[in-house]
Amino acid sequence: MILNKKPEFKVETKKDLLYGINTIQTDAQTLRYSDNGKIVTTDIKLNMIPYYAWAHRGSGDMAVWLPIELNATKPAMAPTLASESKVDASHNVKPIVAINDGLIPKDAEDRTLPYYHWW
């Protein structure tokens, strides 16, 4: 996702979450490749919560720094059968997404991409 160049933030109090927390909302866009390889943007409402409240929401992704420049982000790949498949394991940790993310390491020692290791 990418923030607008001049984002406008709105603070909203959510009294029903954790006995009351403030969230921050702003407009943003997501970038992805379409099936024919073109970049598609989608407008979204980005809801941000305080860091201390993140662990109480269940599993999910977190971003601390959000890009405002196109060269600081990359579009999501178009969905494929592999990327849309659900992968599960008895030792289910975040790197398990590397099994079907479609990214190919340069060699066996490449640790610049997520990888899932099991024994």
N, C-alpha and C. Protein backbone atom coordinates (compact mmCIF):
# COMPACT_ATOMS: atom_id res chain seq x y z
N MET A 1 0.84 -1.17 0.00
CA MET A 1 0.00 0.00 0.00
C MET A 1 0.88 1.22 0.00
N ILE A 2 0.29 2.34 -0.34
CA ILE A 2 1.04 3.60 -0.39
C ILE A 2 0.12 4.72 0.10
N LEU A 3 0.69 5.59 0.93
CA LEU A 3 -0.06 6.74 1.43
C LEU A 3 -0.08 7.84 0.39
N ASN A 4 -1.03 8.73 0.50
CA ASN A 4 -1.06 9.92 -0.35
C ASN A 4 0.13 10.80 0.00
N LYS A 5 0.56 11.65 -0.94
CA LYS A 5 1.69 12.55 -0.69
C LYS A 5 1.43 13.49 0.48
N LYS A 6 0.20 13.95 0.60
CA LYS A 6 -0.18 14.84 1.71
C LYS A 6 -1.38 14.19 2.43
N PRO A 7 -1.11 13.18 3.24
CA PRO A 7 -2.22 12.47 3.87
C PRO A 7 -2.93 13.34 4.91
N GLU A 8 -4.23 13.14 5.00
CA GLU A 8 -5.02 13.80 6.04
C GLU A 8 -5.47 12.70 6.99
N PHE A 9 -5.18 12.87 8.27
CA PHE A 9 -5.46 11.86 9.28
C PHE A 9 -6.67 12.27 10.11
N LYS A 10 -7.45 11.27 10.48
CA LYS A 10 -8.63 11.48 11.32
C LYS A 10 -8.51 10.52 12.50
N VAL A 11 -8.58 11.06 13.71
CA VAL A 11 -8.53 10.24 14.92
C VAL A 11 -9.95 9.88 15.30
N GLU A 12 -10.16 8.60 15.53
CA GLU A 12 -11.50 8.12 15.92
C GLU A 12 -11.37 7.28 17.18
N THR A 13 -12.20 7.55 18.16
CA THR A 13 -12.21 6.78 19.39
C THR A 13 -13.11 5.58 19.23
N LYS A 14 -12.55 4.40 19.49
CA LYS A 14 -13.31 3.14 19.42
C LYS A 14 -13.51 2.66 20.85
N LYS A 15 -14.63 3.01 21.45
CA LYS A 15 -14.88 2.66 22.86
C LYS A 15 -15.10 1.16 23.05
N ASP A 16 -15.47 0.45 21.99
CA ASP A 16 -15.75 -0.98 22.10
C ASP A 16 -14.49 -1.84 21.95
N LEU A 17 -13.35 -1.25 21.62
CA LEU A 17 -12.10 -2.00 21.47
C LEU A 17 -11.22 -1.81 22.69
N LEU A 18 -10.88 -2.87 23.38
CA LEU A 18 -9.94 -2.84 24.51
C LEU A 18 -10.28 -1.73 25.51
N TYR A 19 -11.54 -1.58 25.83
CA TYR A 19 -12.00 -0.58 26.78
C TYR A 19 -11.73 0.84 26.30
N GLY A 20 -11.58 0.99 25.01
CA GLY A 20 -11.41 2.31 24.41
C GLY A 20 -10.00 2.58 23.92
N ILE A 21 -9.85 2.70 22.59
CA ILE A 21 -8.57 3.10 22.01
C ILE A 21 -8.85 4.12 20.91
N ASN A 22 -7.83 4.89 20.58
CA ASN A 22 -7.93 5.81 19.45
C ASN A 22 -7.32 5.15 18.23
N THR A 23 -8.01 5.22 17.11
CA THR A 23 -7.48 4.73 15.84
C THR A 23 -7.25 5.94 14.95
N ILE A 24 -6.41 5.76 13.96
CA ILE A 24 -6.13 6.81 12.98
C ILE A 24 -6.54 6.29 11.62
N GLN A 25 -7.30 7.09 10.90
CA GLN A 25 -7.74 6.71 9.56
C GLN A 25 -7.20 7.71 8.54
N THR A 26 -6.88 7.18 7.36
CA THR A 26 -6.47 8.03 6.25
C THR A 26 -6.76 7.29 4.94
N ASP A 27 -6.76 8.02 3.86
CA ASP A 27 -6.93 7.40 2.54
C ASP A 27 -5.57 6.90 2.06
N ALA A 28 -5.58 5.79 1.36
CA ALA A 28 -4.37 5.20 0.80
C ALA A 28 -4.75 4.42 -0.45
N GLN A 29 -3.76 3.84 -1.09
CA GLN A 29 -4.00 3.00 -2.26
C GLN A 29 -3.21 1.71 -2.12
N THR A 30 -3.75 0.67 -2.70
CA THR A 30 -2.98 -0.56 -2.84
C THR A 30 -2.58 -0.68 -4.31
N LEU A 31 -1.45 -1.30 -4.54
CA LEU A 31 -0.96 -1.52 -5.90
C LEU A 31 -0.89 -3.01 -6.14
N ARG A 32 -1.33 -3.45 -7.30
CA ARG A 32 -1.22 -4.86 -7.65
C ARG A 32 -1.14 -4.99 -9.17
N TYR A 33 -0.62 -6.12 -9.60
CA TYR A 33 -0.62 -6.42 -11.03
C TYR A 33 -1.92 -7.11 -11.39
N SER A 34 -2.50 -6.71 -12.51
CA SER A 34 -3.69 -7.39 -13.01
C SER A 34 -3.27 -8.67 -13.72
N ASP A 35 -4.24 -9.45 -14.13
CA ASP A 35 -3.95 -10.71 -14.84
C ASP A 35 -3.16 -10.49 -16.12
N ASN A 36 -3.33 -9.32 -16.76
CA ASN A 36 -2.59 -9.06 -18.00
C ASN A 36 -1.31 -8.25 -17.76
N GLY A 37 -0.90 -8.10 -16.49
CA GLY A 37 0.39 -7.50 -16.19
C GLY A 37 0.40 -6.00 -15.98
N LYS A 38 -0.75 -5.35 -15.99
CA LYS A 38 -0.80 -3.91 -15.77
C LYS A 38 -0.94 -3.61 -14.29
N ILE A 39 -0.37 -2.48 -13.85
CA ILE A 39 -0.50 -2.09 -12.45
C ILE A 39 -1.87 -1.45 -12.24
N VAL A 40 -2.55 -1.93 -11.21
CA VAL A 40 -3.89 -1.46 -10.86
C VAL A 40 -3.83 -0.87 -9.46
N THR A 41 -4.41 0.31 -9.28
CA THR A 41 -4.49 0.90 -7.95
C THR A 41 -5.92 0.79 -7.44
N THR A 42 -6.05 0.60 -6.14
CA THR A 42 -7.35 0.53 -5.50
C THR A 42 -7.33 1.46 -4.30
N ASP A 43 -8.32 2.38 -4.25
CA ASP A 43 -8.42 3.29 -3.11
C ASP A 43 -8.95 2.51 -1.90
N ILE A 44 -8.33 2.76 -0.74
CA ILE A 44 -8.75 2.10 0.49
C ILE A 44 -8.78 3.11 1.63
N LYS A 45 -9.51 2.79 2.68
CA LYS A 45 -9.45 3.51 3.94
C LYS A 45 -8.50 2.72 4.82
N LEU A 46 -7.41 3.33 5.22
CA LEU A 46 -6.41 2.68 6.05
C LEU A 46 -6.74 2.98 7.51
N ASN A 47 -6.93 1.92 8.29
CA ASN A 47 -7.21 2.06 9.71
C ASN A 47 -5.98 1.62 10.48
N MET A 48 -5.42 2.52 11.28
CA MET A 48 -4.22 2.22 12.05
C MET A 48 -4.56 2.21 13.53
N ILE A 49 -3.96 1.26 14.24
CA ILE A 49 -4.19 1.14 15.67
C ILE A 49 -2.88 1.33 16.41
N PRO A 50 -2.93 1.68 17.70
CA PRO A 50 -1.68 1.84 18.47
C PRO A 50 -0.93 0.51 18.55
N TYR A 51 0.37 0.60 18.58
CA TYR A 51 1.21 -0.60 18.63
C TYR A 51 0.84 -1.49 19.82
N TYR A 52 0.60 -0.91 20.98
CA TYR A 52 0.32 -1.72 22.17
C TYR A 52 -0.95 -2.56 22.00
N ALA A 53 -1.85 -2.15 21.12
CA ALA A 53 -3.11 -2.88 20.94
C ALA A 53 -3.03 -3.93 19.84
N TRP A 54 -1.94 -3.96 19.09
CA TRP A 54 -1.85 -4.86 17.95
C TRP A 54 -1.93 -6.32 18.34
N ALA A 55 -1.24 -6.73 19.39
CA ALA A 55 -1.19 -8.13 19.78
C ALA A 55 -2.54 -8.65 20.27
N HIS A 56 -3.45 -7.79 20.58
CA HIS A 56 -4.75 -8.21 21.10
C HIS A 56 -5.78 -8.47 19.99
N ARG A 57 -5.39 -8.33 18.74
CA ARG A 57 -6.32 -8.47 17.63
C ARG A 57 -6.28 -9.83 16.97
N GLY A 58 -5.35 -10.68 17.34
CA GLY A 58 -5.18 -11.94 16.64
C GLY A 58 -4.07 -11.80 15.62
N SER A 59 -3.84 -12.83 14.82
CA SER A 59 -2.74 -12.79 13.86
C SER A 59 -3.06 -11.84 12.71
N GLY A 60 -2.03 -11.23 12.18
CA GLY A 60 -2.18 -10.31 11.06
C GLY A 60 -0.87 -9.61 10.79
N ASP A 61 -0.80 -8.89 9.68
CA ASP A 61 0.42 -8.17 9.32
C ASP A 61 0.43 -6.79 9.96
N MET A 62 1.63 -6.28 10.17
CA MET A 62 1.79 -4.95 10.74
C MET A 62 2.86 -4.22 9.93
N ALA A 63 2.62 -2.95 9.71
CA ALA A 63 3.62 -2.09 9.07
C ALA A 63 3.85 -0.91 9.99
N VAL A 64 5.11 -0.58 10.21
CA VAL A 64 5.44 0.56 11.06
C VAL A 64 5.71 1.79 10.20
N TRP A 65 6.43 1.61 9.11
CA TRP A 65 6.73 2.70 8.19
C TRP A 65 5.91 2.49 6.94
N LEU A 66 5.19 3.52 6.51
CA LEU A 66 4.33 3.41 5.34
C LEU A 66 4.88 4.30 4.23
N PRO A 67 5.03 3.75 3.02
CA PRO A 67 5.63 4.52 1.93
C PRO A 67 4.70 5.59 1.37
N ILE A 68 5.31 6.69 0.90
CA ILE A 68 4.57 7.71 0.16
C ILE A 68 5.16 7.89 -1.24
N GLU A 69 6.27 7.22 -1.52
CA GLU A 69 6.90 7.28 -2.84
C GLU A 69 6.72 5.94 -3.54
N LEU A 70 6.46 5.97 -4.84
CA LEU A 70 6.25 4.73 -5.59
C LEU A 70 7.48 3.83 -5.57
N ASN A 71 8.68 4.40 -5.56
CA ASN A 71 9.89 3.58 -5.58
C ASN A 71 10.15 2.91 -4.22
N ALA A 72 9.34 3.21 -3.21
CA ALA A 72 9.52 2.60 -1.89
C ALA A 72 8.58 1.41 -1.67
N THR A 73 7.85 1.04 -2.70
CA THR A 73 6.91 -0.08 -2.58
C THR A 73 6.92 -0.88 -3.87
N LYS A 74 6.26 -2.01 -3.86
CA LYS A 74 6.12 -2.79 -5.08
C LYS A 74 4.71 -3.37 -5.13
N PRO A 75 4.16 -3.47 -6.31
CA PRO A 75 2.80 -3.99 -6.44
C PRO A 75 2.73 -5.47 -6.06
N ALA A 76 1.58 -5.87 -5.55
CA ALA A 76 1.33 -7.28 -5.28
C ALA A 76 1.16 -8.00 -6.62
N MET A 77 1.61 -9.22 -6.69
CA MET A 77 1.48 -10.01 -7.91
C MET A 77 0.02 -10.39 -8.14
N ALA A 78 -0.34 -10.62 -9.39
CA ALA A 78 -1.69 -11.09 -9.71
C ALA A 78 -1.90 -12.46 -9.07
N PRO A 79 -3.10 -12.74 -8.58
CA PRO A 79 -3.33 -14.02 -7.94
C PRO A 79 -3.13 -15.20 -8.89
N THR A 80 -2.59 -16.28 -8.35
CA THR A 80 -2.44 -17.53 -9.10
C THR A 80 -3.02 -18.65 -8.26
N LEU A 81 -3.11 -19.83 -8.83
CA LEU A 81 -3.59 -20.98 -8.08
C LEU A 81 -2.73 -21.19 -6.84
N ALA A 82 -1.41 -21.06 -7.00
CA ALA A 82 -0.50 -21.26 -5.87
C ALA A 82 -0.68 -20.17 -4.81
N SER A 83 -0.75 -18.90 -5.24
CA SER A 83 -0.84 -17.82 -4.25
C SER A 83 -2.19 -17.81 -3.53
N GLU A 84 -3.23 -18.32 -4.17
CA GLU A 84 -4.55 -18.35 -3.55
C GLU A 84 -4.77 -19.59 -2.70
N SER A 85 -3.85 -20.54 -2.75
CA SER A 85 -4.00 -21.77 -1.97
C SER A 85 -3.67 -21.52 -0.51
N LYS A 86 -4.36 -22.22 0.36
CA LYS A 86 -4.09 -22.09 1.80
C LYS A 86 -3.06 -23.14 2.19
N VAL A 87 -1.97 -22.67 2.81
CA VAL A 87 -0.92 -23.56 3.28
C VAL A 87 -1.03 -23.64 4.79
N ASP A 88 -0.93 -24.83 5.32
CA ASP A 88 -1.04 -25.02 6.76
C ASP A 88 -0.03 -26.05 7.22
N ALA A 89 0.36 -25.96 8.46
CA ALA A 89 1.30 -26.92 9.03
C ALA A 89 1.10 -26.96 10.53
N SER A 90 1.57 -28.01 11.16
CA SER A 90 1.44 -28.08 12.62
C SER A 90 2.29 -27.02 13.29
N HIS A 91 3.38 -26.62 12.64
CA HIS A 91 4.24 -25.54 13.13
C HIS A 91 3.96 -24.32 12.26
N ASN A 92 2.81 -23.68 12.49
CA ASN A 92 2.34 -22.61 11.63
C ASN A 92 2.87 -21.26 12.12
N VAL A 93 3.88 -20.75 11.43
CA VAL A 93 4.47 -19.46 11.74
C VAL A 93 4.39 -18.56 10.51
N LYS A 94 4.62 -17.27 10.69
CA LYS A 94 4.47 -16.31 9.59
C LYS A 94 5.25 -16.68 8.32
N PRO A 95 6.51 -17.17 8.42
CA PRO A 95 7.24 -17.47 7.19
C PRO A 95 6.62 -18.58 6.33
N ILE A 96 5.56 -19.24 6.81
CA ILE A 96 4.94 -20.30 6.01
C ILE A 96 4.40 -19.75 4.69
N VAL A 97 4.12 -18.44 4.62
CA VAL A 97 3.63 -17.85 3.37
C VAL A 97 4.67 -17.95 2.25
N ALA A 98 5.93 -18.17 2.61
CA ALA A 98 6.98 -18.29 1.60
C ALA A 98 6.79 -19.52 0.72
N ILE A 99 6.01 -20.48 1.18
CA ILE A 99 5.81 -21.71 0.41
C ILE A 99 5.12 -21.41 -0.92
N ASN A 100 4.18 -20.49 -0.92
CA ASN A 100 3.45 -20.21 -2.17
C ASN A 100 3.41 -18.73 -2.52
N ASP A 101 4.46 -17.97 -2.15
CA ASP A 101 4.46 -16.55 -2.48
C ASP A 101 4.94 -16.25 -3.89
N GLY A 102 5.47 -17.24 -4.60
CA GLY A 102 5.90 -17.05 -5.98
C GLY A 102 7.27 -16.40 -6.13
N LEU A 103 7.93 -16.09 -5.03
CA LEU A 103 9.26 -15.47 -5.09
C LEU A 103 10.32 -16.56 -5.15
N ILE A 104 11.31 -16.37 -6.00
CA ILE A 104 12.35 -17.38 -6.19
C ILE A 104 13.69 -16.82 -5.73
N PRO A 105 14.33 -17.49 -4.76
CA PRO A 105 15.64 -17.00 -4.30
C PRO A 105 16.71 -17.18 -5.36
N LYS A 106 17.78 -16.38 -5.26
CA LYS A 106 18.89 -16.48 -6.22
C LYS A 106 19.60 -17.81 -6.10
N ASP A 107 19.77 -18.28 -4.86
CA ASP A 107 20.43 -19.55 -4.60
C ASP A 107 20.00 -20.04 -3.22
N ALA A 108 20.57 -21.16 -2.77
CA ALA A 108 20.18 -21.77 -1.49
C ALA A 108 20.55 -20.90 -0.29
N GLU A 109 21.46 -19.97 -0.46
CA GLU A 109 21.90 -19.11 0.65
C GLU A 109 21.21 -17.74 0.67
N ASP A 110 20.35 -17.47 -0.30
CA ASP A 110 19.68 -16.17 -0.41
C ASP A 110 18.67 -16.01 0.73
N ARG A 111 18.90 -15.06 1.63
CA ARG A 111 17.99 -14.80 2.74
C ARG A 111 17.32 -13.43 2.61
N THR A 112 17.32 -12.88 1.40
CA THR A 112 16.66 -11.59 1.18
C THR A 112 15.16 -11.76 1.02
N LEU A 113 14.71 -12.99 0.78
CA LEU A 113 13.29 -13.29 0.62
C LEU A 113 12.82 -14.13 1.80
N PRO A 114 11.52 -14.05 2.11
CA PRO A 114 11.02 -14.91 3.18
C PRO A 114 11.24 -16.38 2.82
N TYR A 115 11.53 -17.19 3.81
CA TYR A 115 11.68 -18.62 3.58
C TYR A 115 11.13 -19.39 4.77
N TYR A 116 10.67 -20.59 4.52
CA TYR A 116 10.13 -21.45 5.57
C TYR A 116 11.06 -22.65 5.70
N HIS A 117 11.51 -22.88 6.91
CA HIS A 117 12.43 -23.98 7.16
C HIS A 117 11.77 -24.96 8.13
N TRP A 118 11.83 -26.22 7.80
CA TRP A 118 11.33 -27.23 8.73
C TRP A 118 12.32 -28.39 8.76
N TRP A 119 12.22 -29.21 9.79
CA TRP A 119 13.12 -30.35 9.92
C TRP A 119 12.36 -31.53 10.44
